[in-house]
Amino acid sequence: MHDRPMDRDDRLLDVDELADYLAVPVKTLYAWRYRREGPPGFRVGRHLRYRWRDIQQWIEQQIDATAGSVSVSPRSVGRRR
């Protein structure tokens, strides 16, 4: 049997690595997990892990969810009130 290198999609990140990647505090990740708002994670014993492909999918969902919520018209840019 051949040992194949782990696919990037199969890579597991710990809480510190994900916090660094998303540029958010570790505490935020735990809060998101408690509120079921962040990327899905799972326990390996006592340790929380995140699968790379789940993180990427979650990020895409965040982008899709916000893509339609912000609209800037050319007339409103730079206009003072």
N, C-alpha and C. Protein backbone atom coordinates (compact mmCIF):
# COMPACT_ATOMS: atom_id res chain seq x y z
N MET A 1 0.84 -1.17 0.00
CA MET A 1 0.00 0.00 0.00
C MET A 1 0.89 1.24 0.00
N HIS A 2 0.52 2.23 -0.82
CA HIS A 2 1.30 3.46 -0.92
C HIS A 2 0.78 4.50 0.04
N ASP A 3 1.71 5.15 0.69
CA ASP A 3 1.33 6.29 1.52
C ASP A 3 1.30 7.52 0.64
N ARG A 4 0.13 8.13 0.53
CA ARG A 4 0.04 9.35 -0.27
C ARG A 4 0.07 10.55 0.66
N PRO A 5 0.68 11.62 0.21
CA PRO A 5 0.68 12.81 1.06
C PRO A 5 -0.75 13.31 1.26
N MET A 6 -0.98 13.90 2.39
CA MET A 6 -2.31 14.40 2.71
C MET A 6 -2.67 15.53 1.75
N ASP A 7 -3.86 15.41 1.19
CA ASP A 7 -4.39 16.48 0.36
C ASP A 7 -4.54 17.74 1.21
N ARG A 8 -4.40 18.88 0.58
CA ARG A 8 -4.61 20.14 1.30
C ARG A 8 -6.03 20.20 1.87
N ASP A 9 -7.01 19.68 1.12
CA ASP A 9 -8.39 19.69 1.59
C ASP A 9 -8.59 18.83 2.83
N ASP A 10 -7.73 17.84 3.02
CA ASP A 10 -7.84 16.95 4.18
C ASP A 10 -7.09 17.47 5.40
N ARG A 11 -6.34 18.52 5.23
CA ARG A 11 -5.51 19.05 6.31
C ARG A 11 -6.37 19.50 7.48
N LEU A 12 -5.90 19.25 8.68
CA LEU A 12 -6.61 19.67 9.88
C LEU A 12 -5.87 20.84 10.51
N LEU A 13 -6.63 21.85 10.91
CA LEU A 13 -6.06 23.00 11.60
C LEU A 13 -6.52 22.99 13.04
N ASP A 14 -5.66 23.44 13.92
CA ASP A 14 -6.08 23.61 15.31
C ASP A 14 -6.63 25.03 15.48
N VAL A 15 -7.10 25.33 16.67
CA VAL A 15 -7.74 26.62 16.93
C VAL A 15 -6.78 27.78 16.69
N ASP A 16 -5.56 27.65 17.12
CA ASP A 16 -4.58 28.73 16.94
C ASP A 16 -4.29 28.99 15.46
N GLU A 17 -4.15 27.91 14.68
CA GLU A 17 -3.89 28.08 13.25
C GLU A 17 -5.06 28.75 12.54
N LEU A 18 -6.28 28.34 12.90
CA LEU A 18 -7.45 28.94 12.26
C LEU A 18 -7.61 30.40 12.67
N ALA A 19 -7.36 30.69 13.93
CA ALA A 19 -7.44 32.08 14.40
C ALA A 19 -6.44 32.95 13.64
N ASP A 20 -5.23 32.45 13.46
CA ASP A 20 -4.22 33.19 12.69
C ASP A 20 -4.67 33.38 11.25
N TYR A 21 -5.19 32.33 10.64
CA TYR A 21 -5.62 32.40 9.24
C TYR A 21 -6.75 33.41 9.04
N LEU A 22 -7.73 33.40 9.95
CA LEU A 22 -8.87 34.31 9.83
C LEU A 22 -8.61 35.68 10.45
N ALA A 23 -7.48 35.81 11.14
CA ALA A 23 -7.11 37.06 11.82
C ALA A 23 -8.18 37.46 12.84
N VAL A 24 -8.60 36.48 13.65
CA VAL A 24 -9.55 36.71 14.73
C VAL A 24 -8.98 36.08 16.00
N PRO A 25 -9.41 36.56 17.16
CA PRO A 25 -8.94 35.94 18.40
C PRO A 25 -9.48 34.51 18.56
N VAL A 26 -8.73 33.67 19.24
CA VAL A 26 -9.17 32.31 19.52
C VAL A 26 -10.51 32.34 20.25
N LYS A 27 -10.67 33.28 21.14
CA LYS A 27 -11.92 33.41 21.89
C LYS A 27 -13.12 33.58 20.96
N THR A 28 -12.94 34.28 19.85
CA THR A 28 -14.01 34.46 18.87
C THR A 28 -14.41 33.12 18.26
N LEU A 29 -13.42 32.28 17.95
CA LEU A 29 -13.74 30.96 17.39
C LEU A 29 -14.58 30.14 18.35
N TYR A 30 -14.23 30.17 19.63
CA TYR A 30 -15.02 29.43 20.61
C TYR A 30 -16.43 30.01 20.75
N ALA A 31 -16.55 31.33 20.67
CA ALA A 31 -17.87 31.96 20.73
C ALA A 31 -18.70 31.57 19.51
N TRP A 32 -18.09 31.60 18.32
CA TRP A 32 -18.80 31.19 17.11
C TRP A 32 -19.24 29.73 17.22
N ARG A 33 -18.36 28.89 17.76
CA ARG A 33 -18.69 27.47 17.88
C ARG A 33 -19.88 27.29 18.82
N TYR A 34 -19.88 28.01 19.93
CA TYR A 34 -20.98 27.93 20.90
C TYR A 34 -22.30 28.36 20.25
N ARG A 35 -22.25 29.42 19.41
CA ARG A 35 -23.45 29.94 18.75
C ARG A 35 -23.72 29.27 17.41
N ARG A 36 -22.88 28.30 17.04
CA ARG A 36 -22.99 27.57 15.76
C ARG A 36 -22.96 28.53 14.57
N GLU A 37 -22.06 29.49 14.62
CA GLU A 37 -21.92 30.50 13.56
C GLU A 37 -20.67 30.31 12.72
N GLY A 38 -19.65 29.73 13.26
CA GLY A 38 -18.37 29.63 12.57
C GLY A 38 -18.23 28.37 11.76
N PRO A 39 -17.03 28.14 11.25
CA PRO A 39 -16.80 26.92 10.49
C PRO A 39 -16.97 25.70 11.39
N PRO A 40 -17.46 24.60 10.82
CA PRO A 40 -17.67 23.40 11.64
C PRO A 40 -16.34 22.82 12.11
N GLY A 41 -16.30 22.48 13.37
CA GLY A 41 -15.12 21.85 13.95
C GLY A 41 -15.53 20.57 14.62
N PHE A 42 -14.56 19.80 15.02
CA PHE A 42 -14.84 18.55 15.71
C PHE A 42 -13.72 18.26 16.70
N ARG A 43 -14.02 17.41 17.64
CA ARG A 43 -13.06 17.06 18.68
C ARG A 43 -12.27 15.82 18.30
N VAL A 44 -10.98 15.89 18.56
CA VAL A 44 -10.10 14.73 18.50
C VAL A 44 -9.59 14.59 19.93
N GLY A 45 -10.28 13.76 20.69
CA GLY A 45 -10.01 13.71 22.12
C GLY A 45 -10.44 15.04 22.73
N ARG A 46 -9.53 15.70 23.39
CA ARG A 46 -9.83 17.01 23.99
C ARG A 46 -9.55 18.17 23.04
N HIS A 47 -9.01 17.87 21.89
CA HIS A 47 -8.52 18.91 20.99
C HIS A 47 -9.53 19.22 19.89
N LEU A 48 -9.74 20.51 19.64
CA LEU A 48 -10.65 20.96 18.60
C LEU A 48 -9.88 21.08 17.29
N ARG A 49 -10.45 20.53 16.24
CA ARG A 49 -9.82 20.58 14.93
C ARG A 49 -10.83 21.03 13.89
N TYR A 50 -10.29 21.65 12.83
CA TYR A 50 -11.10 22.12 11.71
C TYR A 50 -10.51 21.55 10.43
N ARG A 51 -11.37 21.05 9.56
CA ARG A 51 -10.92 20.51 8.28
C ARG A 51 -10.84 21.65 7.28
N TRP A 52 -9.74 21.70 6.54
CA TRP A 52 -9.47 22.79 5.62
C TRP A 52 -10.62 23.00 4.64
N ARG A 53 -11.15 21.94 4.06
CA ARG A 53 -12.23 22.10 3.06
C ARG A 53 -13.49 22.67 3.69
N ASP A 54 -13.75 22.35 4.98
CA ASP A 54 -14.90 22.92 5.68
C ASP A 54 -14.72 24.43 5.90
N ILE A 55 -13.49 24.82 6.20
CA ILE A 55 -13.18 26.24 6.39
C ILE A 55 -13.41 27.00 5.08
N GLN A 56 -12.90 26.45 3.98
CA GLN A 56 -13.06 27.11 2.68
C GLN A 56 -14.54 27.22 2.30
N GLN A 57 -15.30 26.17 2.56
CA GLN A 57 -16.73 26.19 2.26
C GLN A 57 -17.44 27.24 3.11
N TRP A 58 -17.09 27.33 4.38
CA TRP A 58 -17.69 28.31 5.27
C TRP A 58 -17.37 29.73 4.81
N ILE A 59 -16.14 29.96 4.40
CA ILE A 59 -15.75 31.28 3.90
C ILE A 59 -16.57 31.63 2.66
N GLU A 60 -16.73 30.70 1.75
CA GLU A 60 -17.54 30.95 0.55
C GLU A 60 -18.97 31.30 0.92
N GLN A 61 -19.53 30.61 1.91
CA GLN A 61 -20.88 30.91 2.37
C GLN A 61 -20.97 32.32 2.94
N GLN A 62 -19.94 32.74 3.66
CA GLN A 62 -19.92 34.09 4.22
C GLN A 62 -19.88 35.13 3.10
N ILE A 63 -19.09 34.86 2.08
CA ILE A 63 -18.98 35.78 0.94
C ILE A 63 -20.31 35.85 0.21
N ASP A 64 -20.92 34.69 -0.05
CA ASP A 64 -22.21 34.65 -0.75
C ASP A 64 -23.29 35.37 0.05
N ALA A 65 -23.28 35.20 1.36
CA ALA A 65 -24.30 35.82 2.21
C ALA A 65 -24.18 37.34 2.24
N THR A 66 -22.97 37.85 2.12
CA THR A 66 -22.77 39.29 2.20
C THR A 66 -22.72 39.95 0.83
N ALA A 67 -22.58 39.17 -0.23
CA ALA A 67 -22.44 39.74 -1.58
C ALA A 67 -23.66 40.58 -1.96
N GLY A 68 -24.84 40.14 -1.61
CA GLY A 68 -26.04 40.88 -1.98
C GLY A 68 -26.45 41.92 -0.97
N SER A 69 -25.81 41.94 0.19
CA SER A 69 -26.26 42.85 1.25
C SER A 69 -25.64 44.23 1.16
N VAL A 70 -24.58 44.39 0.43
CA VAL A 70 -23.93 45.69 0.32
C VAL A 70 -24.07 46.18 -1.11
N SER A 71 -24.71 47.32 -1.25
CA SER A 71 -24.78 47.88 -2.60
C SER A 71 -24.31 49.32 -2.54
N VAL A 72 -23.44 49.63 -3.43
CA VAL A 72 -22.90 50.98 -3.52
C VAL A 72 -23.16 51.47 -4.92
N SER A 73 -23.89 52.55 -5.01
CA SER A 73 -24.14 53.12 -6.33
C SER A 73 -23.08 54.17 -6.61
N PRO A 74 -22.76 54.37 -7.87
CA PRO A 74 -21.73 55.36 -8.20
C PRO A 74 -22.10 56.75 -7.70
N ARG A 75 -23.39 57.06 -7.62
CA ARG A 75 -23.82 58.38 -7.15
C ARG A 75 -23.57 58.58 -5.66
N SER A 76 -23.61 57.48 -4.90
CA SER A 76 -23.47 57.63 -3.46
C SER A 76 -22.01 57.66 -3.00
N VAL A 77 -21.10 57.26 -3.83
CA VAL A 77 -19.69 57.23 -3.45
C VAL A 77 -19.17 58.66 -3.43
N GLY A 78 -18.60 59.04 -2.31
CA GLY A 78 -18.02 60.35 -2.17
C GLY A 78 -19.02 61.46 -1.87
N ARG A 79 -20.28 61.13 -1.80
CA ARG A 79 -21.30 62.15 -1.53
C ARG A 79 -21.30 62.49 -0.04
N ARG A 80 -21.36 63.75 0.26
CA ARG A 80 -21.44 64.20 1.66
C ARG A 80 -22.86 64.52 2.00
N ARG A 81 -23.20 64.31 3.26
CA ARG A 81 -24.56 64.62 3.73
C ARG A 81 -24.54 65.86 4.56
